Protein backbone atom coordinates (compact mmCIF):
# COMPACT_ATOMS: atom_id res chain seq x y z
CA MET A 1 0.00 0.00 0.00
CA ILE A 2 2.43 2.62 -1.17
CA MET A 3 -0.31 5.16 -1.96
CA ARG A 4 -1.84 4.80 1.50
CA GLU A 5 1.55 5.54 3.08
CA MET A 6 2.06 8.58 0.86
CA TYR A 7 -1.30 10.02 1.87
CA LYS A 8 -0.67 9.18 5.51
CA ASN A 9 2.60 11.15 5.31
CA MET A 10 0.56 14.11 4.04
CA GLY A 11 -1.68 13.90 7.10
CA ILE A 12 -4.65 12.18 5.47
CA CYS A 13 -6.15 9.59 7.81
CA ASP A 14 -7.06 6.05 6.79
CA GLU A 15 -10.79 6.77 7.03
CA VAL A 16 -10.59 9.56 4.45
CA TYR A 17 -8.35 7.48 2.21
CA ASP A 18 -10.76 4.52 2.36
CA TYR A 19 -13.76 6.78 1.68
CA CYS A 20 -12.13 8.25 -1.43
CA ASP A 21 -10.86 4.86 -2.58
CA ASN A 22 -14.40 3.46 -2.42
CA ILE A 23 -15.71 6.37 -4.50
CA ILE A 24 -13.00 5.84 -7.11
CA LYS A 25 -13.82 2.13 -7.30
CA SER A 26 -17.54 2.84 -7.65
CA LEU A 27 -16.87 5.19 -10.60
CA HIS A 28 -14.50 2.82 -12.41
CA ASP A 29 -17.08 1.35 -14.80
CA ARG A 30 -18.45 4.78 -15.69
CA PHE A 31 -15.02 6.16 -16.58
CA GLU A 32 -14.17 3.01 -18.51
CA GLU A 33 -17.23 3.62 -20.70
CA ILE A 34 -16.22 7.24 -21.20
CA ASP A 35 -12.73 6.11 -22.25
CA LYS A 36 -14.20 3.63 -24.75
CA ASN A 37 -16.35 6.37 -26.27
CA ALA A 38 -13.41 8.76 -26.43
CA GLU A 39 -11.30 6.18 -28.25
CA TYR A 40 -14.15 5.47 -30.66
CA THR A 41 -14.56 9.13 -31.64
CA ARG A 42 -10.87 9.81 -32.30
């Protein structure tokens, strides 16, 4: 967990890190679709 340690060194607690990580994971499929569309239109 290198990223977690980096954020911890910046003073961001584990609870905030986990909260943000869960949001990022929940948006993964949506951004993957956006990326597919962007590649299609190029």
